[in-house]
Amino acid sequence: MPKKNGKAAFCSSLSKETGCCKVESIVAVDERGQMVLPKELREKAKLRAGDKLAIVSWDKGGEICCLYLIKTDYLAESVRGFLGPMLKEV
């Protein structure tokens, strides 16, 4: 997991300044609902067989307009960061 100042670094902006988010490729969904992530993208993202990805959706006006794939390692760290202060109070 990338680190910044000793903490996990997360993409949180679509701005060009961060260089964080961009269209990497376009994939098609087949008749069974499956899609293939291109090999170059899997290598760049260091995805291996058995890795887990969380699918996060963004609902806009009652319709899902965006789906994000997040490595569960990053998702878990994000949740811990969010819930950590609340758990300390309990």
N, C-alpha and C. Protein backbone atom coordinates (compact mmCIF):
# COMPACT_ATOMS: atom_id res chain seq x y z
N MET A 1 0.85 -1.18 0.00
CA MET A 1 0.00 0.00 0.00
C MET A 1 0.89 1.24 0.00
N PRO A 2 0.66 2.20 -0.90
CA PRO A 2 1.47 3.41 -0.92
C PRO A 2 1.37 4.17 0.39
N LYS A 3 2.48 4.74 0.81
CA LYS A 3 2.50 5.51 2.06
C LYS A 3 2.85 6.95 1.78
N LYS A 4 2.27 7.83 2.55
CA LYS A 4 2.58 9.25 2.47
C LYS A 4 2.65 9.74 3.91
N ASN A 5 3.81 10.23 4.30
CA ASN A 5 4.04 10.69 5.68
C ASN A 5 3.71 9.60 6.69
N GLY A 6 4.04 8.32 6.36
CA GLY A 6 3.81 7.23 7.29
C GLY A 6 2.37 6.75 7.32
N LYS A 7 1.49 7.37 6.57
CA LYS A 7 0.08 6.96 6.54
C LYS A 7 -0.26 6.47 5.14
N ALA A 8 -1.30 5.66 5.06
CA ALA A 8 -1.73 5.16 3.75
C ALA A 8 -2.20 6.33 2.90
N ALA A 9 -1.78 6.35 1.65
CA ALA A 9 -2.18 7.40 0.72
C ALA A 9 -3.37 6.91 -0.10
N PHE A 10 -4.41 7.69 -0.17
CA PHE A 10 -5.62 7.32 -0.90
C PHE A 10 -5.93 8.34 -1.97
N CYS A 11 -6.49 7.86 -3.05
CA CYS A 11 -6.99 8.75 -4.10
C CYS A 11 -8.33 9.30 -3.62
N SER A 12 -8.47 10.60 -3.63
CA SER A 12 -9.74 11.17 -3.16
C SER A 12 -10.21 12.31 -4.03
N SER A 13 -9.58 12.49 -5.18
CA SER A 13 -9.94 13.63 -6.00
C SER A 13 -9.84 13.27 -7.47
N LEU A 14 -10.67 13.90 -8.27
CA LEU A 14 -10.61 13.69 -9.71
C LEU A 14 -9.82 14.79 -10.39
N SER A 15 -9.18 15.66 -9.62
CA SER A 15 -8.48 16.79 -10.21
C SER A 15 -7.24 16.36 -10.96
N LYS A 16 -6.86 17.15 -11.94
CA LYS A 16 -5.68 16.85 -12.73
C LYS A 16 -4.40 17.07 -11.92
N GLU A 17 -4.45 17.93 -10.90
CA GLU A 17 -3.25 18.23 -10.12
C GLU A 17 -2.74 17.00 -9.39
N THR A 18 -3.63 16.16 -8.90
CA THR A 18 -3.20 15.00 -8.12
C THR A 18 -2.72 13.87 -9.03
N GLY A 19 -3.17 13.85 -10.28
CA GLY A 19 -2.81 12.77 -11.16
C GLY A 19 -3.38 11.45 -10.69
N CYS A 20 -4.42 11.51 -9.90
CA CYS A 20 -4.94 10.33 -9.23
C CYS A 20 -5.84 9.49 -10.13
N CYS A 21 -6.85 10.06 -10.69
CA CYS A 21 -7.87 9.29 -11.39
C CYS A 21 -7.85 9.58 -12.88
N LYS A 22 -7.93 8.50 -13.67
CA LYS A 22 -8.00 8.64 -15.12
C LYS A 22 -8.62 7.39 -15.70
N VAL A 23 -9.08 7.48 -16.92
CA VAL A 23 -9.63 6.33 -17.61
C VAL A 23 -8.45 5.48 -18.06
N GLU A 24 -8.36 4.27 -17.54
CA GLU A 24 -7.26 3.36 -17.89
C GLU A 24 -7.60 2.53 -19.11
N SER A 25 -8.84 2.09 -19.21
CA SER A 25 -9.27 1.29 -20.34
C SER A 25 -10.79 1.23 -20.33
N ILE A 26 -11.32 0.69 -21.40
CA ILE A 26 -12.76 0.46 -21.51
C ILE A 26 -12.94 -1.04 -21.68
N VAL A 27 -13.81 -1.61 -20.86
CA VAL A 27 -14.06 -3.05 -20.92
C VAL A 27 -15.53 -3.29 -21.21
N ALA A 28 -15.83 -4.44 -21.76
CA ALA A 28 -17.21 -4.81 -22.06
C ALA A 28 -17.68 -5.88 -21.08
N VAL A 29 -18.96 -5.86 -20.78
CA VAL A 29 -19.57 -6.88 -19.95
C VAL A 29 -20.16 -7.92 -20.90
N ASP A 30 -19.82 -9.20 -20.68
CA ASP A 30 -20.35 -10.24 -21.57
C ASP A 30 -21.73 -10.70 -21.12
N GLU A 31 -22.28 -11.65 -21.84
CA GLU A 31 -23.65 -12.11 -21.55
C GLU A 31 -23.77 -12.78 -20.19
N ARG A 32 -22.67 -13.21 -19.60
CA ARG A 32 -22.71 -13.80 -18.26
C ARG A 32 -22.45 -12.75 -17.17
N GLY A 33 -22.30 -11.49 -17.56
CA GLY A 33 -22.05 -10.42 -16.59
C GLY A 33 -20.59 -10.29 -16.19
N GLN A 34 -19.70 -10.91 -16.93
CA GLN A 34 -18.29 -10.88 -16.60
C GLN A 34 -17.56 -9.86 -17.48
N MET A 35 -16.44 -9.38 -16.96
CA MET A 35 -15.57 -8.51 -17.73
C MET A 35 -14.13 -8.86 -17.40
N VAL A 36 -13.24 -8.51 -18.30
CA VAL A 36 -11.82 -8.82 -18.12
C VAL A 36 -11.06 -7.52 -17.98
N LEU A 37 -10.24 -7.44 -16.93
CA LEU A 37 -9.35 -6.30 -16.78
C LEU A 37 -8.10 -6.59 -17.62
N PRO A 38 -7.70 -5.68 -18.48
CA PRO A 38 -6.53 -5.91 -19.32
C PRO A 38 -5.28 -6.24 -18.50
N LYS A 39 -4.44 -7.11 -19.06
CA LYS A 39 -3.23 -7.57 -18.38
C LYS A 39 -2.36 -6.39 -17.94
N GLU A 40 -2.19 -5.40 -18.82
CA GLU A 40 -1.34 -4.26 -18.49
C GLU A 40 -1.86 -3.53 -17.25
N LEU A 41 -3.19 -3.40 -17.15
CA LEU A 41 -3.80 -2.74 -16.00
C LEU A 41 -3.63 -3.58 -14.74
N ARG A 42 -3.84 -4.89 -14.85
CA ARG A 42 -3.64 -5.77 -13.69
C ARG A 42 -2.21 -5.69 -13.18
N GLU A 43 -1.26 -5.67 -14.10
CA GLU A 43 0.14 -5.57 -13.70
C GLU A 43 0.44 -4.23 -13.04
N LYS A 44 -0.06 -3.17 -13.64
CA LYS A 44 0.16 -1.82 -13.09
C LYS A 44 -0.44 -1.68 -11.68
N ALA A 45 -1.63 -2.30 -11.48
CA ALA A 45 -2.32 -2.23 -10.19
C ALA A 45 -1.84 -3.32 -9.22
N LYS A 46 -0.90 -4.16 -9.70
CA LYS A 46 -0.38 -5.27 -8.90
C LYS A 46 -1.50 -6.18 -8.42
N LEU A 47 -2.45 -6.47 -9.31
CA LEU A 47 -3.55 -7.39 -9.01
C LEU A 47 -3.11 -8.79 -9.38
N ARG A 48 -3.34 -9.72 -8.48
CA ARG A 48 -3.00 -11.12 -8.69
C ARG A 48 -4.25 -11.98 -8.51
N ALA A 49 -4.21 -13.19 -9.01
CA ALA A 49 -5.32 -14.12 -8.82
C ALA A 49 -5.62 -14.25 -7.34
N GLY A 50 -6.88 -14.16 -6.98
CA GLY A 50 -7.29 -14.27 -5.58
C GLY A 50 -7.39 -12.94 -4.85
N ASP A 51 -6.85 -11.87 -5.42
CA ASP A 51 -7.00 -10.55 -4.80
C ASP A 51 -8.47 -10.18 -4.74
N LYS A 52 -8.84 -9.44 -3.72
CA LYS A 52 -10.24 -9.03 -3.54
C LYS A 52 -10.39 -7.55 -3.86
N LEU A 53 -11.47 -7.25 -4.57
CA LEU A 53 -11.82 -5.87 -4.91
C LEU A 53 -13.23 -5.59 -4.39
N ALA A 54 -13.41 -4.43 -3.80
CA ALA A 54 -14.75 -3.99 -3.39
C ALA A 54 -15.32 -3.15 -4.52
N ILE A 55 -16.59 -3.33 -4.78
CA ILE A 55 -17.28 -2.51 -5.78
C ILE A 55 -18.09 -1.47 -5.02
N VAL A 56 -17.79 -0.22 -5.26
CA VAL A 56 -18.48 0.89 -4.62
C VAL A 56 -19.27 1.62 -5.69
N SER A 57 -20.54 1.87 -5.42
CA SER A 57 -21.38 2.54 -6.42
C SER A 57 -21.69 3.97 -6.01
N TRP A 58 -21.95 4.79 -7.00
CA TRP A 58 -22.36 6.17 -6.79
C TRP A 58 -23.72 6.33 -7.43
N ASP A 59 -24.71 6.64 -6.61
CA ASP A 59 -26.08 6.80 -7.06
C ASP A 59 -26.34 8.27 -7.34
N LYS A 60 -26.87 8.55 -8.51
CA LYS A 60 -27.21 9.92 -8.87
C LYS A 60 -28.63 9.93 -9.41
N GLY A 61 -29.52 10.55 -8.66
CA GLY A 61 -30.92 10.62 -9.08
C GLY A 61 -31.60 9.28 -9.16
N GLY A 62 -31.25 8.36 -8.27
CA GLY A 62 -31.89 7.06 -8.24
C GLY A 62 -31.31 6.06 -9.24
N GLU A 63 -30.24 6.44 -9.92
CA GLU A 63 -29.61 5.55 -10.90
C GLU A 63 -28.11 5.49 -10.61
N ILE A 64 -27.56 4.29 -10.65
CA ILE A 64 -26.13 4.15 -10.44
C ILE A 64 -25.42 4.65 -11.68
N CYS A 65 -24.57 5.66 -11.49
CA CYS A 65 -23.86 6.24 -12.63
C CYS A 65 -22.39 5.87 -12.64
N CYS A 66 -21.83 5.48 -11.49
CA CYS A 66 -20.41 5.15 -11.43
C CYS A 66 -20.20 3.93 -10.55
N LEU A 67 -19.27 3.09 -10.95
CA LEU A 67 -18.82 1.96 -10.14
C LEU A 67 -17.32 2.09 -9.98
N TYR A 68 -16.85 1.95 -8.76
CA TYR A 68 -15.43 2.03 -8.47
C TYR A 68 -14.96 0.67 -7.98
N LEU A 69 -13.78 0.26 -8.40
CA LEU A 69 -13.15 -0.94 -7.87
C LEU A 69 -12.04 -0.48 -6.93
N ILE A 70 -12.06 -0.97 -5.70
CA ILE A 70 -11.07 -0.59 -4.71
C ILE A 70 -10.48 -1.86 -4.12
N LYS A 71 -9.15 -1.93 -4.08
CA LYS A 71 -8.52 -3.07 -3.42
C LYS A 71 -9.01 -3.09 -1.97
N THR A 72 -9.41 -4.27 -1.50
CA THR A 72 -9.96 -4.34 -0.15
C THR A 72 -8.95 -3.93 0.91
N ASP A 73 -7.64 -4.08 0.63
CA ASP A 73 -6.63 -3.62 1.58
C ASP A 73 -6.77 -2.12 1.81
N TYR A 74 -7.02 -1.37 0.77
CA TYR A 74 -7.20 0.08 0.89
C TYR A 74 -8.53 0.42 1.54
N LEU A 75 -9.55 -0.34 1.21
CA LEU A 75 -10.87 -0.10 1.79
C LEU A 75 -10.84 -0.32 3.29
N ALA A 76 -10.20 -1.39 3.72
CA ALA A 76 -10.12 -1.69 5.15
C ALA A 76 -9.39 -0.58 5.89
N GLU A 77 -8.30 -0.09 5.33
CA GLU A 77 -7.54 1.00 5.96
C GLU A 77 -8.38 2.27 6.05
N SER A 78 -9.14 2.54 5.02
CA SER A 78 -10.00 3.72 5.00
C SER A 78 -11.07 3.62 6.08
N VAL A 79 -11.68 2.46 6.21
CA VAL A 79 -12.72 2.26 7.23
C VAL A 79 -12.12 2.37 8.62
N ARG A 80 -10.94 1.78 8.82
CA ARG A 80 -10.28 1.90 10.13
C ARG A 80 -10.00 3.36 10.47
N GLY A 81 -9.55 4.13 9.48
CA GLY A 81 -9.28 5.54 9.70
C GLY A 81 -10.52 6.32 10.05
N PHE A 82 -11.62 5.95 9.41
CA PHE A 82 -12.89 6.62 9.65
C PHE A 82 -13.49 6.23 11.01
N LEU A 83 -13.45 4.94 11.33
CA LEU A 83 -14.08 4.45 12.55
C LEU A 83 -13.17 4.54 13.78
N GLY A 84 -11.87 4.61 13.58
CA GLY A 84 -10.93 4.60 14.68
C GLY A 84 -11.25 5.59 15.79
N PRO A 85 -11.44 6.89 15.46
CA PRO A 85 -11.75 7.85 16.51
C PRO A 85 -13.05 7.53 17.25
N MET A 86 -14.04 6.99 16.55
CA MET A 86 -15.30 6.65 17.22
C MET A 86 -15.12 5.46 18.15
N LEU A 87 -14.30 4.48 17.74
CA LEU A 87 -14.09 3.30 18.58
C LEU A 87 -13.32 3.64 19.84
N LYS A 88 -12.45 4.64 19.77
CA LYS A 88 -11.69 5.04 20.97
C LYS A 88 -12.61 5.60 22.04
N GLU A 89 -13.74 6.21 21.61
CA GLU A 89 -14.68 6.80 22.56
C GLU A 89 -15.53 5.76 23.25
N VAL A 90 -15.64 4.56 22.67
CA VAL A 90 -16.51 3.51 23.23
C VAL A 90 -15.82 2.80 24.36
